[in-house]
Amino acid sequence: MAFVGLDRRRARREQQFLSFRTVPDMKRFDVSRRGPIALACMLALLGLCGCGGADKSGHRAAVKGTVTLDGKPLARGAIKFSPLEGTSGVVTGTPIEDGHFDLPEEIGAAVGWNRVEITAMKKTGKMVPDPFSPGTKVEMETSAVAARFNTDSTLKLEVKPGVNTPPAFAVESK
């Protein structure tokens, strides 16, 4: 009789195990609700994490500051620091919120000369097909910052050991 009870318990456990859903609920992972903008933001943030592995030189410094767009604090965006020739280190960056950014020393900019890129997006009001959800539309976004401050940036900053607080980066939309 003891074996019969054991078999029943084992059978009950197997039945419970098999009754669990083996396919995850895909609604949790559905990016179509958030649109391609969310995906673009995630990719941009991944890019800001840095490239090329850990900084072996250990020469990083904190950078804190402000960014204005057409004279007003930039509501939301990102700032990236890329070491220029003669400066060793990795690309790094941080989000901009309400015109302020704070890059701590642990993930800070390389000490030396860095190229600075500032990015932000704005809605255009134009609805376009959502590539992730056929049959639906999303509002298109475009760069809020002129290319001369991001992809074609000529902004440079000399980062020194310690905490750097450069003058405000004043960028324009045109």
C-alpha atoms as a PDB file:
ATOM      1  CA  MET A   1       0.000   0.000   0.000  1.00  0.00           C
ATOM      2  CA  ALA A   2       2.822   2.427   0.701  1.00  0.00           C
ATOM      3  CA  PHE A   3       3.935   2.092  -2.905  1.00  0.00           C
ATOM      4  CA  VAL A   4       0.468   2.947  -4.223  1.00  0.00           C
ATOM      5  CA  GLY A   5       0.412   6.219  -2.234  1.00  0.00           C
ATOM      6  CA  LEU A   6       3.875   7.080  -3.458  1.00  0.00           C
ATOM      7  CA  ASP A   7       2.864   6.442  -7.053  1.00  0.00           C
ATOM      8  CA  ARG A   8      -0.210   8.652  -6.648  1.00  0.00           C
ATOM      9  CA  ARG A   9       1.904  11.503  -5.297  1.00  0.00           C
ATOM     10  CA  ARG A  10       4.421  11.092  -8.088  1.00  0.00           C
ATOM     11  CA  ALA A  11       1.635  11.005 -10.700  1.00  0.00           C
ATOM     12  CA  ARG A  12       0.061  14.149  -9.171  1.00  0.00           C
ATOM     13  CA  ARG A  13       3.403  15.988  -9.320  1.00  0.00           C
ATOM     14  CA  GLU A  14       3.949  14.980 -12.937  1.00  0.00           C
ATOM     15  CA  GLN A  15       0.428  16.109 -13.813  1.00  0.00           C
ATOM     16  CA  GLN A  16       1.008  19.479 -12.133  1.00  0.00           C
ATOM     17  CA  PHE A  17       4.333  19.872 -13.931  1.00  0.00           C
ATOM     18  CA  LEU A  18       2.802  19.072 -17.310  1.00  0.00           C
ATOM     19  CA  SER A  19      -0.121  21.427 -16.745  1.00  0.00           C
ATOM     20  CA  PHE A  20       2.182  24.481 -16.522  1.00  0.00           C
ATOM     21  CA  ARG A  21       2.340  26.612 -19.654  1.00  0.00           C
ATOM     22  CA  THR A  22       5.559  25.840 -21.421  1.00  0.00           C
ATOM     23  CA  VAL A  23       5.307  28.825 -23.800  1.00  0.00           C
ATOM     24  CA  PRO A  24       5.908  32.210 -22.118  1.00  0.00           C
ATOM     25  CA  ASP A  25       3.236  34.861 -22.339  1.00  0.00           C
ATOM     26  CA  MET A  26       4.473  36.824 -25.359  1.00  0.00           C
ATOM     27  CA  LYS A  27       2.411  39.900 -24.462  1.00  0.00           C
ATOM     28  CA  ARG A  28       5.103  40.755 -21.917  1.00  0.00           C
ATOM     29  CA  PHE A  29       7.683  40.915 -24.684  1.00  0.00           C
ATOM     30  CA  ASP A  30       5.498  42.595 -27.326  1.00  0.00           C
ATOM     31  CA  VAL A  31       7.352  45.743 -28.437  1.00  0.00           C
ATOM     32  CA  SER A  32       4.667  46.689 -30.956  1.00  0.00           C
ATOM     33  CA  ARG A  33       2.721  48.446 -28.233  1.00  0.00           C
ATOM     34  CA  ARG A  34       5.631  50.703 -27.504  1.00  0.00           C
ATOM     35  CA  GLY A  35       6.549  51.102 -31.119  1.00  0.00           C
ATOM     36  CA  PRO A  36       9.854  51.371 -32.852  1.00  0.00           C
ATOM     37  CA  ILE A  37      10.729  54.461 -30.821  1.00  0.00           C
ATOM     38  CA  ALA A  38      11.147  52.354 -27.679  1.00  0.00           C
ATOM     39  CA  LEU A  39      13.350  49.941 -29.583  1.00  0.00           C
ATOM     40  CA  ALA A  40      15.458  52.808 -30.942  1.00  0.00           C
ATOM     41  CA  CYS A  41      15.834  54.241 -27.428  1.00  0.00           C
ATOM     42  CA  MET A  42      16.939  50.865 -26.066  1.00  0.00           C
ATOM     43  CA  LEU A  43      19.521  50.512 -28.826  1.00  0.00           C
ATOM     44  CA  ALA A  44      20.765  54.054 -28.215  1.00  0.00           C
ATOM     45  CA  LEU A  45      21.157  53.358 -24.499  1.00  0.00           C
ATOM     46  CA  LEU A  46      23.047  50.171 -25.266  1.00  0.00           C
ATOM     47  CA  GLY A  47      25.356  52.195 -27.476  1.00  0.00           C
ATOM     48  CA  LEU A  48      25.945  54.614 -24.621  1.00  0.00           C
ATOM     49  CA  CYS A  49      27.143  51.788 -22.371  1.00  0.00           C
ATOM     50  CA  GLY A  50      30.484  51.890 -24.124  1.00  0.00           C
ATOM     51  CA  CYS A  51      32.376  49.759 -26.595  1.00  0.00           C
ATOM     52  CA  GLY A  52      35.601  47.818 -26.557  1.00  0.00           C
ATOM     53  CA  GLY A  53      35.324  46.270 -23.110  1.00  0.00           C
ATOM     54  CA  ALA A  54      36.578  47.590 -19.831  1.00  0.00           C
ATOM     55  CA  ASP A  55      38.883  50.572 -19.654  1.00  0.00           C
ATOM     56  CA  LYS A  56      42.248  49.086 -18.679  1.00  0.00           C
ATOM     57  CA  SER A  57      43.890  52.480 -18.179  1.00  0.00           C
ATOM     58  CA  GLY A  58      41.723  53.435 -15.205  1.00  0.00           C
ATOM     59  CA  HIS A  59      41.811  57.069 -16.311  1.00  0.00           C
ATOM     60  CA  ARG A  60      38.175  58.087 -16.098  1.00  0.00           C
ATOM     61  CA  ALA A  61      36.607  61.191 -14.665  1.00  0.00           C
ATOM     62  CA  ALA A  62      33.129  62.317 -13.683  1.00  0.00           C
ATOM     63  CA  VAL A  63      31.380  64.882 -15.863  1.00  0.00           C
ATOM     64  CA  LYS A  64      28.328  66.839 -14.701  1.00  0.00           C
ATOM     65  CA  GLY A  65      26.628  69.586 -16.601  1.00  0.00           C
ATOM     66  CA  THR A  66      23.696  71.090 -18.435  1.00  0.00           C
ATOM     67  CA  VAL A  67      22.436  71.065 -22.008  1.00  0.00           C
ATOM     68  CA  THR A  68      20.134  73.601 -23.619  1.00  0.00           C
ATOM     69  CA  LEU A  69      18.289  73.258 -26.912  1.00  0.00           C
ATOM     70  CA  ASP A  70      17.468  76.587 -28.570  1.00  0.00           C
ATOM     71  CA  GLY A  71      18.009  78.360 -25.252  1.00  0.00           C
ATOM     72  CA  LYS A  72      15.786  76.060 -23.131  1.00  0.00           C
ATOM     73  CA  PRO A  73      16.853  73.058 -21.019  1.00  0.00           C
ATOM     74  CA  LEU A  74      16.803  69.869 -23.120  1.00  0.00           C
ATOM     75  CA  ALA A  75      13.905  67.838 -21.699  1.00  0.00           C
ATOM     76  CA  ARG A  76      15.219  64.374 -22.591  1.00  0.00           C
ATOM     77  CA  GLY A  77      18.176  63.130 -24.575  1.00  0.00           C
ATOM     78  CA  ALA A  78      21.618  61.593 -24.283  1.00  0.00           C
ATOM     79  CA  ILE A  79      25.215  62.773 -24.228  1.00  0.00           C
ATOM     80  CA  LYS A  80      28.145  60.678 -25.442  1.00  0.00           C
ATOM     81  CA  PHE A  81      31.884  61.163 -24.913  1.00  0.00           C
ATOM     82  CA  SER A  82      34.282  59.572 -27.435  1.00  0.00           C
ATOM     83  CA  PRO A  83      38.056  59.760 -26.812  1.00  0.00           C
ATOM     84  CA  LEU A  84      39.913  61.601 -29.566  1.00  0.00           C
ATOM     85  CA  GLU A  85      43.272  60.585 -30.997  1.00  0.00           C
ATOM     86  CA  GLY A  86      45.882  60.654 -28.266  1.00  0.00           C
ATOM     87  CA  THR A  87      43.353  59.878 -25.528  1.00  0.00           C
ATOM     88  CA  SER A  88      42.979  56.263 -24.434  1.00  0.00           C
ATOM     89  CA  GLY A  89      39.663  54.983 -23.147  1.00  0.00           C
ATOM     90  CA  VAL A  90      36.225  53.852 -24.230  1.00  0.00           C
ATOM     91  CA  VAL A  91      33.130  55.604 -25.522  1.00  0.00           C
ATOM     92  CA  THR A  92      30.673  56.343 -22.734  1.00  0.00           C
ATOM     93  CA  GLY A  93      27.597  58.430 -22.102  1.00  0.00           C
ATOM     94  CA  THR A  94      24.576  59.090 -19.976  1.00  0.00           C
ATOM     95  CA  PRO A  95      20.967  60.273 -20.297  1.00  0.00           C
ATOM     96  CA  ILE A  96      20.008  63.938 -20.159  1.00  0.00           C
ATOM     97  CA  GLU A  97      16.931  64.717 -18.042  1.00  0.00           C
ATOM     98  CA  ASP A  98      15.464  68.211 -17.672  1.00  0.00           C
ATOM     99  CA  GLY A  99      18.642  69.742 -19.092  1.00  0.00           C
ATOM    100  CA  HIS A 100      21.018  67.995 -16.656  1.00  0.00           C
ATOM    101  CA  PHE A 101      23.397  65.059 -16.979  1.00  0.00           C
ATOM    102  CA  ASP A 102      25.635  63.345 -14.426  1.00  0.00           C
ATOM    103  CA  LEU A 103      28.255  60.843 -15.581  1.00  0.00           C
ATOM    104  CA  PRO A 104      29.889  59.237 -12.500  1.00  0.00           C
ATOM    105  CA  GLU A 105      33.596  58.422 -12.433  1.00  0.00           C
ATOM    106  CA  GLU A 106      32.995  54.631 -12.494  1.00  0.00           C
ATOM    107  CA  ILE A 107      31.678  54.904 -16.064  1.00  0.00           C
ATOM    108  CA  GLY A 108      33.096  58.354 -16.693  1.00  0.00           C
ATOM    109  CA  ALA A 109      34.714  59.940 -19.706  1.00  0.00           C
ATOM    110  CA  ALA A 110      38.311  59.191 -20.564  1.00  0.00           C
ATOM    111  CA  VAL A 111      40.766  61.740 -19.170  1.00  0.00           C
ATOM    112  CA  GLY A 112      41.977  63.844 -22.103  1.00  0.00           C
ATOM    113  CA  TRP A 113      40.243  65.256 -25.168  1.00  0.00           C
ATOM    114  CA  ASN A 114      36.820  63.836 -26.020  1.00  0.00           C
ATOM    115  CA  ARG A 115      34.363  64.432 -28.845  1.00  0.00           C
ATOM    116  CA  VAL A 116      30.892  65.226 -27.450  1.00  0.00           C
ATOM    117  CA  GLU A 117      27.663  64.146 -29.156  1.00  0.00           C
ATOM    118  CA  ILE A 118      24.217  65.195 -27.982  1.00  0.00           C
ATOM    119  CA  THR A 119      21.101  63.433 -29.232  1.00  0.00           C
ATOM    120  CA  ALA A 120      17.378  63.916 -28.666  1.00  0.00           C
ATOM    121  CA  MET A 121      14.227  62.975 -30.550  1.00  0.00           C
ATOM    122  CA  LYS A 122      11.009  64.896 -31.219  1.00  0.00           C
ATOM    123  CA  LYS A 123       7.633  63.814 -32.565  1.00  0.00           C
ATOM    124  CA  THR A 124       6.714  65.011 -36.040  1.00  0.00           C
ATOM    125  CA  GLY A 125       2.940  64.567 -35.884  1.00  0.00           C
ATOM    126  CA  LYS A 126       3.101  62.311 -38.945  1.00  0.00           C
ATOM    127  CA  MET A 127       1.642  58.815 -38.538  1.00  0.00           C
ATOM    128  CA  VAL A 128       3.512  55.965 -40.269  1.00  0.00           C
ATOM    129  CA  PRO A 129       2.976  52.180 -40.431  1.00  0.00           C
ATOM    130  CA  ASP A 130       4.345  50.347 -37.398  1.00  0.00           C
ATOM    131  CA  PRO A 131       6.946  47.854 -38.693  1.00  0.00           C
ATOM    132  CA  PHE A 132       6.431  45.665 -35.617  1.00  0.00           C
ATOM    133  CA  SER A 133       2.640  45.537 -35.737  1.00  0.00           C
ATOM    134  CA  PRO A 134       1.159  45.356 -39.251  1.00  0.00           C
ATOM    135  CA  GLY A 135      -2.063  47.289 -39.621  1.00  0.00           C
ATOM    136  CA  THR A 136      -1.253  49.860 -36.921  1.00  0.00           C
ATOM    137  CA  LYS A 137       0.417  53.245 -37.063  1.00  0.00           C
ATOM    138  CA  VAL A 138       2.870  55.097 -34.828  1.00  0.00           C
ATOM    139  CA  GLU A 139       3.926  58.714 -34.669  1.00  0.00           C
ATOM    140  CA  MET A 140       7.197  59.302 -36.484  1.00  0.00           C
ATOM    141  CA  GLU A 141      10.103  60.902 -34.621  1.00  0.00           C
ATOM    142  CA  THR A 142      13.087  62.796 -35.938  1.00  0.00           C
ATOM    143  CA  SER A 143      16.239  64.266 -34.445  1.00  0.00           C
ATOM    144  CA  ALA A 144      15.575  67.365 -32.363  1.00  0.00           C
ATOM    145  CA  VAL A 145      19.247  68.359 -32.454  1.00  0.00           C
ATOM    146  CA  ALA A 146      21.114  69.565 -35.534  1.00  0.00           C
ATOM    147  CA  ALA A 147      23.650  67.081 -36.946  1.00  0.00           C
ATOM    148  CA  ARG A 148      26.549  69.413 -36.132  1.00  0.00           C
ATOM    149  CA  PHE A 149      25.983  68.562 -32.448  1.00  0.00           C
ATOM    150  CA  ASN A 150      25.661  64.764 -32.824  1.00  0.00           C
ATOM    151  CA  THR A 151      26.540  62.723 -35.955  1.00  0.00           C
ATOM    152  CA  ASP A 152      28.736  65.534 -37.355  1.00  0.00           C
ATOM    153  CA  SER A 153      29.700  66.950 -33.971  1.00  0.00           C
ATOM    154  CA  THR A 154      32.626  69.301 -33.626  1.00  0.00           C
ATOM    155  CA  LEU A 155      32.050  69.722 -29.875  1.00  0.00           C
ATOM    156  CA  LYS A 156      35.154  68.866 -27.845  1.00  0.00           C
ATOM    157  CA  LEU A 157      35.816  68.730 -24.132  1.00  0.00           C
ATOM    158  CA  GLU A 158      39.082  68.310 -22.268  1.00  0.00           C
ATOM    159  CA  VAL A 159      38.294  65.996 -19.365  1.00  0.00           C
ATOM    160  CA  LYS A 160      40.602  66.339 -16.374  1.00  0.00           C
ATOM    161  CA  PRO A 161      40.935  64.007 -13.350  1.00  0.00           C
ATOM    162  CA  GLY A 162      38.241  64.557 -10.730  1.00  0.00           C
ATOM    163  CA  VAL A 163      34.788  66.024 -11.295  1.00  0.00           C
ATOM    164  CA  ASN A 164      34.393  68.117 -14.449  1.00  0.00           C
ATOM    165  CA  THR A 165      31.649  70.739 -14.719  1.00  0.00           C
ATOM    166  CA  PRO A 166      31.978  72.287 -18.177  1.00  0.00           C
ATOM    167  CA  PRO A 167      29.984  75.325 -19.282  1.00  0.00           C
ATOM    168  CA  ALA A 168      26.487  74.480 -20.554  1.00  0.00           C
ATOM    169  CA  PHE A 169      26.381  72.798 -23.937  1.00  0.00           C
ATOM    170  CA  ALA A 170      24.136  75.085 -25.992  1.00  0.00           C
ATOM    171  CA  VAL A 171      22.816  73.127 -28.974  1.00  0.00           C
ATOM    172  CA  GLU A 172      20.365  74.168 -31.663  1.00  0.00           C
ATOM    173  CA  SER A 173      17.656  72.378 -33.602  1.00  0.00           C
ATOM    174  CA  LYS A 174      18.687  73.942 -36.949  1.00  0.00           C
END
